[in-house]
Amino acid sequence: MIKVGPVILVEGKYDKIKLSQIFDATILTTDGFGIFKQKDKLALLRRLAETRGLLIFTDPDGAGFVIRNYLKGAVPKEKLFHAYIPDLYGKEKRKAKGSKEGKLGVEGVPDDVIIRAVEASGALQGSVPAKSGITKADLYELGLSGSAGSTQRRLRLLKELQLPQQLSSNALLDVLNCIIDLESLTAMVESWEEEYEA
């Protein structure tokens, strides 16, 4: 079992069961969209975030991002960790059919993918990772925003870094600043240009 200091917040009980087999941690659920109505639970999450930090680990679908964005506005940013799993398609074993978007949720993703996501969040070190200094201007200069072909480049970046395709520009910037430095990002994007020229 891997020790995690911050409280882990997942959407449902099956996500909690899955993570409790991997991590020695306090794991709570949002009860899906129930978090929007449960003011007492939100108050608890704020208190826990203040003392231990809060690792948000939602599914990579639209609902997961709605919950994540709500919590980003409700809990101090400096107390949050974000674990993102890539878009993997299929269905969980216990379900008769897949989700609306066809993506696997936290409960259906292999353990090694979950562990990598938590490692990338910085939660294992117990402090929110320092920003590496990547800016929106850098994304523009690298052709990842605001130019012809930027959507395709951004999608390729998300795929190579094993991140969900639904990340907003601001969320992408936050994640990049936690997992890669500008020099490495630049080298990665420039290597694609060499492929296209060959």
Protein backbone atom coordinates (compact mmCIF):
# COMPACT_ATOMS: atom_id res chain seq x y z
CA MET A 1 0.00 0.00 0.00
CA ILE A 2 1.21 3.48 -0.89
CA LYS A 3 0.86 6.14 1.81
CA VAL A 4 -0.90 9.34 0.69
CA GLY A 5 -1.10 12.27 3.13
CA PRO A 6 -3.79 14.41 1.51
CA VAL A 7 -7.40 13.27 1.63
CA ILE A 8 -8.41 11.68 -1.68
CA LEU A 9 -11.80 12.67 -3.09
CA VAL A 10 -13.44 10.45 -5.70
CA GLU A 11 -16.92 10.42 -7.21
CA GLY A 12 -18.43 7.16 -5.99
CA LYS A 13 -18.12 4.12 -3.77
CA TYR A 14 -16.61 1.86 -6.46
CA ASP A 15 -13.86 4.42 -7.06
CA LYS A 16 -13.24 4.47 -3.31
CA ILE A 17 -13.05 0.67 -3.16
CA LYS A 18 -10.56 0.61 -6.06
CA LEU A 19 -8.26 3.25 -4.52
CA SER A 20 -8.44 1.75 -1.05
CA GLN A 21 -6.78 -1.38 -2.49
CA ILE A 22 -3.83 0.72 -3.69
CA PHE A 23 -3.42 3.57 -1.21
CA ASP A 24 -3.20 3.91 2.54
CA ALA A 25 -5.22 7.13 2.72
CA THR A 26 -8.42 8.77 3.82
CA ILE A 27 -10.74 8.44 0.82
CA LEU A 28 -14.07 10.27 0.61
CA THR A 29 -16.71 10.42 -2.12
CA THR A 30 -18.61 13.31 -3.68
CA ASP A 31 -21.60 11.01 -4.23
CA GLY A 32 -21.54 12.21 -7.82
CA PHE A 33 -23.38 15.51 -8.15
CA GLY A 34 -24.53 15.11 -4.53
CA ILE A 35 -21.63 17.37 -3.53
CA PHE A 36 -23.58 20.34 -4.94
CA LYS A 37 -26.34 19.87 -2.33
CA GLN A 38 -24.28 18.76 0.68
CA LYS A 39 -23.08 21.98 2.31
CA ASP A 40 -21.91 20.10 5.40
CA LYS A 41 -19.71 17.79 3.29
CA LEU A 42 -18.27 20.78 1.44
CA ALA A 43 -17.45 22.42 4.78
CA LEU A 44 -15.75 19.20 5.89
CA LEU A 45 -13.72 19.07 2.67
CA ARG A 46 -12.58 22.64 3.21
CA ARG A 47 -11.44 21.82 6.76
CA LEU A 48 -9.64 18.68 5.62
CA ALA A 49 -7.99 20.56 2.75
CA GLU A 50 -6.76 23.19 5.19
CA THR A 51 -5.08 20.65 7.46
CA ARG A 52 -4.06 17.83 5.09
CA GLY A 53 -4.64 18.93 1.51
CA LEU A 54 -7.25 17.50 -0.88
CA LEU A 55 -6.49 15.31 -3.90
CA ILE A 56 -9.30 15.50 -6.44
CA PHE A 57 -9.50 12.34 -8.51
CA THR A 58 -12.59 12.39 -10.73
CA ASP A 59 -13.43 10.49 -13.90
CA PRO A 60 -12.17 11.95 -17.21
CA ASP A 61 -15.70 12.58 -18.51
CA GLY A 62 -17.87 15.69 -18.58
CA ALA A 63 -19.45 14.98 -15.18
CA GLY A 64 -16.03 14.51 -13.60
CA PHE A 65 -14.86 17.87 -14.89
CA VAL A 66 -18.02 19.62 -13.66
CA ILE A 67 -17.38 18.27 -10.14
CA ARG A 68 -13.65 19.09 -10.31
CA ASN A 69 -14.32 22.66 -11.46
CA TYR A 70 -16.89 23.19 -8.73
CA LEU A 71 -14.40 22.09 -6.09
CA LYS A 72 -11.65 24.25 -7.61
CA GLY A 73 -13.87 27.24 -6.89
CA ALA A 74 -14.91 26.07 -3.40
CA VAL A 75 -11.57 25.03 -1.87
CA PRO A 76 -8.42 27.19 -1.69
CA LYS A 77 -6.33 26.46 -4.78
CA GLU A 78 -3.08 26.11 -2.85
CA LYS A 79 -4.57 23.22 -0.86
CA LEU A 80 -5.60 21.17 -3.90
CA PHE A 81 -3.88 18.38 -5.78
CA HIS A 82 -5.27 17.13 -9.09
CA ALA A 83 -4.91 13.58 -10.39
CA TYR A 84 -5.94 13.08 -14.01
CA ILE A 85 -6.34 9.77 -15.78
CA PRO A 86 -6.11 9.53 -19.57
CA ASP A 87 -9.08 8.88 -21.80
CA LEU A 88 -9.26 5.10 -21.93
CA TYR A 89 -12.27 3.59 -23.65
CA GLY A 90 -14.21 0.56 -22.53
CA LYS A 91 -16.56 -0.37 -19.72
CA GLU A 92 -16.13 -1.37 -16.13
CA LYS A 93 -16.55 -5.10 -15.44
CA ARG A 94 -19.51 -4.62 -13.11
CA LYS A 95 -21.51 -2.59 -15.65
CA ALA A 96 -23.73 -3.97 -18.40
CA LYS A 97 -22.76 -1.13 -20.76
CA GLY A 98 -20.18 1.60 -20.88
CA SER A 99 -20.60 5.22 -19.87
CA LYS A 100 -22.28 7.80 -22.07
CA GLU A 101 -18.89 8.95 -23.38
CA GLY A 102 -17.48 5.41 -23.51
CA LYS A 103 -14.58 6.26 -21.19
CA LEU A 104 -13.38 4.23 -18.24
CA GLY A 105 -13.82 5.86 -14.87
CA VAL A 106 -11.40 5.68 -11.97
CA GLU A 107 -12.71 2.25 -10.94
CA GLY A 108 -11.97 0.72 -14.35
CA VAL A 109 -8.46 2.02 -14.94
CA PRO A 110 -5.42 -0.22 -14.30
CA ASP A 111 -3.60 0.30 -11.01
CA ASP A 112 -0.37 1.49 -12.65
CA VAL A 113 -2.23 4.30 -14.45
CA ILE A 114 -3.80 5.39 -11.15
CA ILE A 115 -0.44 5.34 -9.37
CA ARG A 116 1.18 7.45 -12.14
CA ALA A 117 -1.68 9.97 -11.93
CA VAL A 118 -1.27 10.32 -8.17
CA GLU A 119 2.53 10.61 -8.51
CA ALA A 120 2.09 13.38 -11.10
CA SER A 121 -0.26 15.28 -8.77
CA GLY A 122 2.49 15.77 -6.17
CA ALA A 123 0.29 14.30 -3.42
CA LEU A 124 2.89 11.67 -2.50
CA GLN A 125 5.35 14.42 -1.61
CA GLY A 126 2.67 16.11 0.49
CA SER A 127 2.91 19.53 -1.08
CA VAL A 128 1.44 21.04 -4.20
CA PRO A 129 4.15 20.83 -6.88
CA ALA A 130 6.02 24.02 -7.61
CA LYS A 131 5.10 25.70 -10.85
CA SER A 132 7.65 25.16 -13.59
CA GLY A 133 6.92 28.53 -15.19
CA ILE A 134 5.06 27.56 -18.38
CA THR A 135 2.75 30.40 -19.46
CA LYS A 136 -0.09 30.84 -21.93
CA ALA A 137 2.37 32.75 -24.12
CA ASP A 138 4.62 29.66 -24.19
CA LEU A 139 1.69 27.50 -25.34
CA TYR A 140 1.00 30.01 -28.11
CA GLU A 141 4.65 30.11 -29.21
CA LEU A 142 4.75 26.30 -29.30
CA GLY A 143 1.66 26.21 -31.52
CA LEU A 144 -0.49 24.61 -28.81
CA SER A 145 -3.01 27.45 -28.79
CA GLY A 146 -4.30 30.20 -31.03
CA SER A 147 -2.83 29.04 -34.34
CA ALA A 148 -3.56 26.74 -37.26
CA GLY A 149 -3.19 23.14 -36.18
CA SER A 150 -3.07 23.99 -32.46
CA THR A 151 -6.04 21.75 -31.66
CA GLN A 152 -4.32 18.73 -33.22
CA ARG A 153 -1.03 19.52 -31.46
CA ARG A 154 -2.80 19.95 -28.11
CA LEU A 155 -4.65 16.64 -28.56
CA ARG A 156 -1.36 14.92 -29.36
CA LEU A 157 0.24 16.46 -26.28
CA LEU A 158 -2.63 15.24 -24.08
CA LYS A 159 -2.35 11.75 -25.54
CA GLU A 160 1.44 11.55 -25.11
CA LEU A 161 1.25 12.82 -21.54
CA GLN A 162 -1.66 10.45 -20.84
CA LEU A 163 -4.08 13.22 -19.88
CA PRO A 164 -7.82 13.47 -20.61
CA GLN A 165 -8.75 15.26 -23.83
CA GLN A 166 -11.33 17.38 -22.03
CA LEU A 167 -8.82 19.50 -20.13
CA SER A 168 -9.54 23.21 -20.50
CA SER A 169 -6.69 25.52 -21.48
CA ASN A 170 -6.30 26.75 -17.90
CA ALA A 171 -6.37 23.22 -16.47
CA LEU A 172 -3.84 22.10 -19.09
CA LEU A 173 -1.55 24.92 -18.05
CA ASP A 174 -1.86 23.96 -14.37
CA VAL A 175 -1.12 20.30 -15.12
CA LEU A 176 1.83 21.04 -17.40
CA ASN A 177 3.35 23.21 -14.68
CA CYS A 178 3.16 20.23 -12.31
CA ILE A 179 4.53 17.51 -14.58
CA ILE A 180 6.93 19.00 -17.13
CA ASP A 181 9.30 21.94 -17.53
CA LEU A 182 9.33 24.33 -20.48
CA GLU A 183 12.55 22.88 -21.92
CA SER A 184 11.14 19.34 -22.04
CA LEU A 185 7.80 20.55 -23.42
CA THR A 186 9.58 22.51 -26.14
CA ALA A 187 11.72 19.51 -27.09
CA MET A 188 8.64 17.29 -27.29
CA VAL A 189 6.73 19.68 -29.56
CA GLU A 190 9.77 20.36 -31.75
CA SER A 191 10.27 16.60 -32.25
CA TRP A 192 6.79 16.44 -33.78
CA GLU A 193 7.71 19.12 -36.30
CA GLU A 194 10.69 17.02 -37.39
CA GLU A 195 8.33 14.08 -37.95
CA TYR A 196 6.01 16.19 -40.08
CA GLU A 197 8.92 17.49 -42.17
CA ALA A 198 10.38 13.99 -42.81
